[in-house]
Protein backbone atom coordinates (compact mmCIF):
# COMPACT_ATOMS: atom_id res chain seq x y z
CA UNK A 1 14.64 -4.73 3.77
CA UNK A 2 11.49 -4.17 4.61
CA UNK A 3 10.57 -1.04 6.30
CA UNK A 4 8.51 0.00 9.58
CA UNK A 5 4.68 0.26 8.89
CA UNK A 6 2.44 2.29 11.12
CA UNK A 7 -0.96 3.69 11.58
CA UNK A 8 -1.83 7.24 11.40
CA UNK A 9 -4.74 8.42 13.29
CA UNK A 10 -6.31 11.42 12.40
CA UNK A 11 -8.82 13.23 15.05
CA UNK A 12 -9.90 15.77 13.68
CA UNK A 13 -11.28 13.49 10.27
CA UNK A 14 -12.72 10.64 12.38
CA UNK A 15 -16.39 10.65 12.76
CA UNK A 16 -17.01 7.70 15.04
CA UNK A 17 -18.61 5.55 12.40
CA UNK A 18 -16.92 2.54 14.49
CA UNK A 19 -16.05 1.05 11.27
CA UNK A 20 -12.73 0.10 12.16
CA UNK A 21 -14.05 -1.76 15.97
CA UNK A 22 -16.04 -3.51 13.35
CA UNK A 23 -13.83 -4.10 10.85
CA UNK A 24 -11.48 -5.70 13.47
CA UNK A 25 -14.08 -8.18 15.11
CA UNK A 26 -14.80 -9.32 11.59
CA UNK A 27 -11.42 -10.39 11.23
CA UNK A 28 -11.10 -11.93 14.33
CA UNK A 29 -14.00 -13.86 14.34
CA UNK A 30 -15.82 -12.08 17.09
CA UNK A 31 -19.47 -10.54 17.74
CA UNK A 32 -19.84 -7.21 16.21
CA UNK A 33 -21.39 -5.67 19.10
CA UNK A 34 -19.58 -2.48 19.87
CA UNK A 35 -17.74 -2.32 23.38
CA UNK A 36 -16.77 0.50 25.39
CA UNK A 37 -13.14 -0.72 26.82
CA UNK A 38 -10.59 -3.01 25.26
CA UNK A 39 -11.43 -6.77 26.19
CA UNK A 40 -10.34 -10.01 24.69
CA UNK A 41 -12.54 -9.54 22.10
CA UNK A 42 -12.26 -5.75 21.25
CA UNK A 43 -8.37 -4.83 20.17
CA UNK A 44 -9.55 -1.42 19.54
CA UNK A 45 -12.60 0.74 20.68
CA UNK A 46 -13.57 4.20 19.72
CA UNK A 47 -13.78 6.78 22.57
CA UNK A 48 -16.19 9.95 22.74
CA UNK A 49 -14.15 12.54 24.52
CA UNK A 50 -16.67 15.89 23.88
CA UNK A 51 -17.23 15.82 20.50
CA UNK A 52 -14.24 14.55 19.39
CA UNK A 53 -13.79 10.61 18.95
CA UNK A 54 -10.31 8.89 20.25
CA UNK A 55 -9.13 5.37 19.11
CA UNK A 56 -7.66 3.15 21.65
CA UNK A 57 -5.31 0.21 20.97
CA UNK A 58 -1.98 -0.96 21.47
CA UNK A 59 0.59 1.13 20.40
CA UNK A 60 3.17 -0.93 19.20
CA UNK A 61 6.04 0.57 20.76
CA UNK A 62 9.41 0.35 19.34
CA UNK A 63 10.78 -0.48 22.72
CA UNK A 64 7.36 -2.42 24.51
CA UNK A 65 7.71 -2.73 28.00
CA UNK A 66 5.27 -5.64 27.73
CA UNK A 67 7.90 -7.75 25.83
CA UNK A 68 10.75 -6.63 28.45
CA UNK A 69 8.81 -7.95 30.82
CA UNK A 70 7.67 -11.26 29.53
CA UNK A 71 10.22 -13.58 31.05
CA UNK A 72 9.70 -16.14 28.02
CA UNK A 73 9.71 -14.11 25.30
CA UNK A 74 6.26 -14.50 24.44
CA UNK A 75 6.00 -10.97 23.43
CA UNK A 76 8.20 -9.18 20.66
CA UNK A 77 8.93 -6.69 18.12
CA UNK A 78 8.62 -7.32 14.76
CA UNK A 79 10.82 -5.44 11.99
CA UNK A 80 7.73 -4.73 10.29
CA UNK A 81 6.30 -3.23 13.59
CA UNK A 82 3.69 -5.16 14.93
CA UNK A 83 4.31 -6.34 18.69
CA UNK A 84 3.12 -9.95 18.80
CA UNK A 85 2.48 -12.54 20.74
CA UNK A 86 3.39 -16.10 20.96
CA UNK A 87 0.36 -18.39 22.96
CA UNK A 88 2.44 -21.23 23.29
CA UNK A 89 5.42 -19.32 24.77
CA UNK A 90 2.63 -17.95 27.37
CA UNK A 91 3.13 -19.22 31.06
CA UNK A 92 0.06 -17.04 31.98
CA UNK A 93 2.50 -14.80 34.21
CA UNK A 94 0.28 -11.42 33.06
CA UNK A 95 3.23 -9.37 34.04
CA UNK A 96 2.77 -7.49 30.35
CA UNK A 97 0.04 -6.54 31.87
CA UNK A 98 1.14 -4.79 34.54
CA UNK A 99 3.96 -3.46 32.66
CA UNK A 100 2.08 -1.56 29.28
CA UNK A 101 1.87 1.74 30.43
CA UNK A 102 -1.70 1.93 28.30
CA UNK A 103 -3.34 -0.91 29.95
CA UNK A 104 -3.92 -2.67 26.36
CA UNK A 105 -3.13 -6.64 27.03
CA UNK A 106 -6.16 -8.36 27.99
CA UNK A 107 -6.56 -11.65 29.53
CA UNK A 108 -9.63 -14.32 28.20
CA UNK A 109 -10.74 -14.96 32.36
CA UNK A 110 -13.61 -16.76 30.81
CA UNK A 111 -11.25 -19.37 28.88
CA UNK A 112 -10.96 -23.06 29.88
CA UNK A 113 -6.95 -22.11 28.68
CA UNK A 114 -6.58 -18.58 28.52
CA UNK A 115 -4.26 -16.26 26.49
CA UNK A 116 -3.48 -12.86 26.60
CA UNK A 117 -4.91 -11.00 23.70
CA UNK A 118 -3.96 -7.68 21.73
CA UNK A 119 -3.93 -6.00 18.74
CA UNK A 120 -1.09 -7.05 16.57
CA UNK A 121 -1.61 -4.84 13.86
CA UNK A 122 -2.82 -6.99 11.80
CA UNK A 123 0.57 -9.11 11.06
CA UNK A 124 -0.23 -11.89 9.16
CA UNK A 125 -1.92 -9.07 6.69
CA UNK A 126 1.01 -6.62 6.73
CA UNK A 127 3.15 -9.83 6.04
CA UNK A 128 0.91 -10.26 2.95
CA UNK A 129 1.44 -6.89 2.01
CA UNK A 130 -1.90 -5.77 2.92
CA UNK A 131 -3.11 -2.67 5.04
CA UNK A 132 -4.92 -3.39 8.60
CA UNK A 133 -8.47 -4.15 8.43
CA UNK A 134 -9.13 -1.18 10.60
CA UNK A 135 -7.77 1.17 8.06
CA UNK A 136 -8.98 -0.54 5.00
CA UNK A 137 -12.53 -0.03 6.48
CA UNK A 138 -12.01 3.76 7.98
CA UNK A 139 -14.33 5.58 4.88
CA UNK A 140 -12.79 8.99 5.75
CA UNK A 141 -9.09 8.16 5.62
CA UNK A 142 -8.83 8.93 9.56
CA UNK A 143 -7.05 5.64 10.27
CA UNK A 144 -4.22 5.45 7.56
CA UNK A 145 -1.96 2.39 7.18
CA UNK A 146 1.65 3.07 5.61
CA UNK A 147 5.16 2.77 5.78
CA UNK A 148 6.15 4.45 9.24
CA UNK A 149 8.24 7.63 7.73
CA UNK A 150 5.81 8.48 5.17
CA UNK A 151 3.34 8.64 7.24
CA UNK A 152 5.22 10.98 9.63
CA UNK A 153 5.46 13.01 6.19
CA UNK A 154 1.88 12.90 5.64
CA UNK A 155 1.24 13.71 9.17
CA UNK A 156 3.03 16.75 9.06
CA UNK A 157 1.62 17.75 5.60
CA UNK A 158 -1.79 17.60 7.66
CA UNK A 159 -0.15 20.04 10.00
CA UNK A 160 0.89 22.58 7.84
CA UNK A 161 -1.66 22.47 5.40
CA UNK A 162 -3.91 23.17 8.16
CA UNK A 163 -3.38 25.46 10.77
CA UNK A 164 -6.50 24.24 13.06
CA UNK A 165 -3.89 20.89 14.16
CA UNK A 166 -1.76 20.92 16.66
CA UNK A 167 1.66 21.17 16.09
CA UNK A 168 2.93 17.61 17.03
CA UNK A 169 2.52 14.32 15.85
CA UNK A 170 2.04 12.04 18.93
CA UNK A 171 3.67 8.81 19.11
CA UNK A 172 6.63 9.46 17.24
CA UNK A 173 8.78 9.76 20.53
CA UNK A 174 6.50 9.37 23.53
CA UNK A 175 7.71 6.03 25.80
CA UNK A 176 10.77 5.94 22.89
CA UNK A 177 7.81 6.02 20.02
CA UNK A 178 5.79 3.29 18.22
CA UNK A 179 4.25 2.21 15.39
CA UNK A 180 0.67 4.23 15.92
CA UNK A 181 0.59 7.71 15.55
CA UNK A 182 -1.94 10.67 16.32
CA UNK A 183 -2.41 14.02 15.00
CA UNK A 184 -5.25 15.94 16.49
CA UNK A 185 -6.87 19.86 16.33
CA UNK A 186 -7.65 19.71 20.30
CA UNK A 187 -4.82 19.48 22.62
CA UNK A 188 -3.74 15.85 23.45
CA UNK A 189 -4.16 16.41 27.15
CA UNK A 190 -7.60 17.41 26.92
CA UNK A 191 -8.56 13.79 24.69
CA UNK A 192 -7.11 11.64 27.48
CA UNK A 193 -3.55 11.39 26.49
CA UNK A 194 -1.23 11.40 29.40
CA UNK A 195 2.22 13.09 29.54
CA UNK A 196 5.05 10.33 29.61
CA UNK A 197 6.91 9.75 32.84
CA UNK A 198 10.12 10.80 32.90
CA UNK A 199 9.77 12.49 29.13
CA UNK A 200 10.30 10.03 26.55
CA UNK A 201 12.29 7.91 28.47
CA UNK A 202 11.19 4.38 27.33
CA UNK A 203 9.68 2.28 30.31
CA UNK A 204 11.92 -0.92 30.02
CA UNK A 205 14.97 1.51 30.28
CA UNK A 206 13.89 2.52 33.36
CA UNK A 207 14.43 -1.07 34.86
CA UNK A 208 17.50 -1.82 33.37
CA UNK A 209 19.84 -1.25 35.55
CA UNK A 210 18.16 -2.74 38.62
CA UNK A 211 17.46 -6.23 36.46
CA UNK A 212 21.20 -5.61 35.58
CA UNK A 213 22.55 -6.29 39.05
CA UNK A 214 20.39 -9.61 39.86
CA UNK A 215 21.52 -12.43 38.15
CA UNK A 216 21.12 -14.75 40.87
CA UNK A 217 17.68 -13.56 41.02
CA UNK A 218 17.13 -14.29 37.05
CA UNK A 219 18.73 -17.36 37.27
CA UNK A 220 16.48 -18.63 39.84
CA UNK A 221 13.75 -17.20 38.22
CA UNK A 222 14.64 -18.76 35.00
CA UNK A 223 14.37 -22.50 36.95
CA UNK A 224 10.83 -21.45 38.40
CA UNK A 225 9.61 -20.05 34.97
CA UNK A 226 10.72 -23.16 33.31
CA UNK A 227 8.31 -24.98 35.64
CA UNK A 228 5.50 -22.77 35.48
CA UNK A 229 5.59 -22.88 31.77
CA UNK A 230 5.40 -26.96 32.03
CA UNK A 231 2.73 -26.92 34.44
CA UNK A 232 0.64 -23.93 32.49
CA UNK A 233 0.90 -25.82 29.04
CA UNK A 234 -0.36 -29.02 30.77
CA UNK A 235 -3.15 -27.48 32.36
CA UNK A 236 -4.00 -26.11 29.53
CA UNK A 237 -3.68 -29.33 27.68
CA UNK A 238 -5.92 -30.93 30.64
CA UNK A 239 -8.65 -28.32 29.73
CA UNK A 240 -8.81 -28.71 26.91
CA UNK A 241 -9.19 -32.37 26.58
CA UNK A 242 -11.65 -32.14 29.30
CA UNK A 243 -13.73 -29.75 26.77
CA UNK A 244 -13.67 -32.09 24.15
CA UNK A 245 -14.52 -34.92 26.33
CA UNK A 246 -17.91 -33.25 27.81
CA UNK A 247 -18.44 -32.04 24.04
CA UNK A 248 -18.20 -35.79 22.53
CA UNK A 249 -20.71 -36.91 25.71
CA UNK A 250 -23.16 -34.50 24.91
CA UNK A 251 -23.19 -35.05 21.23
CA UNK A 252 -23.20 -38.87 22.03
CA UNK A 253 -26.54 -37.97 24.58
CA UNK A 254 -27.85 -35.77 21.82
CA UNK A 255 -28.22 -38.25 19.00
CA UNK A 256 -29.82 -40.56 21.39
CA UNK A 257 -32.04 -38.89 22.34
């Protein structure tokens, strides 16, 4: 059985070169111009926090709130670690955006047929046995990709060998843990890391009991969501068809002129 993969991000080592940002954008065919915050064309950004640099990206939670909130199963956690998005199932409700405690998923507001976009931990590369693009591009091993258990050991090794590190690996337990881990030589709260509500209890577990007592709502909701799915998919098909038609007309006009 394949082991869960993860990223280890060492804030002490990060030099703010933005190589991770650029590699991610190049992989997805986006403009490589830096962006200050996460967007539908920036799946990871590097924020300056004083003299330190902190990467922002999907945390790929072990029990992701986005997947729990999605009523049609468009988001799921894979055995290899990535939390992935299936555009074919998405109905555009954007509940995932509301549920994510890290405010990671972004919507393509300017697209005719919009989808939710976020880091997928380079799932295709991971399946092929390759590291993530960001880890491969990092020149100082501030971002390292590998087996999660091995990265946890590597993180503790760095902490024990250098007393300047905070004796904590952020991401192992926070909100149930995930596949993105951080070590730092500055207290995490000073770098914008917020303490998890209700300790390290996962976000989905906070709503399980309420959802479990609402079978009628779930049944009715399923019917409504099925209809919404059909309508959403139909709108996307029509929008894409119209865009293709306009493109063809403009092309013909251009050829005649």
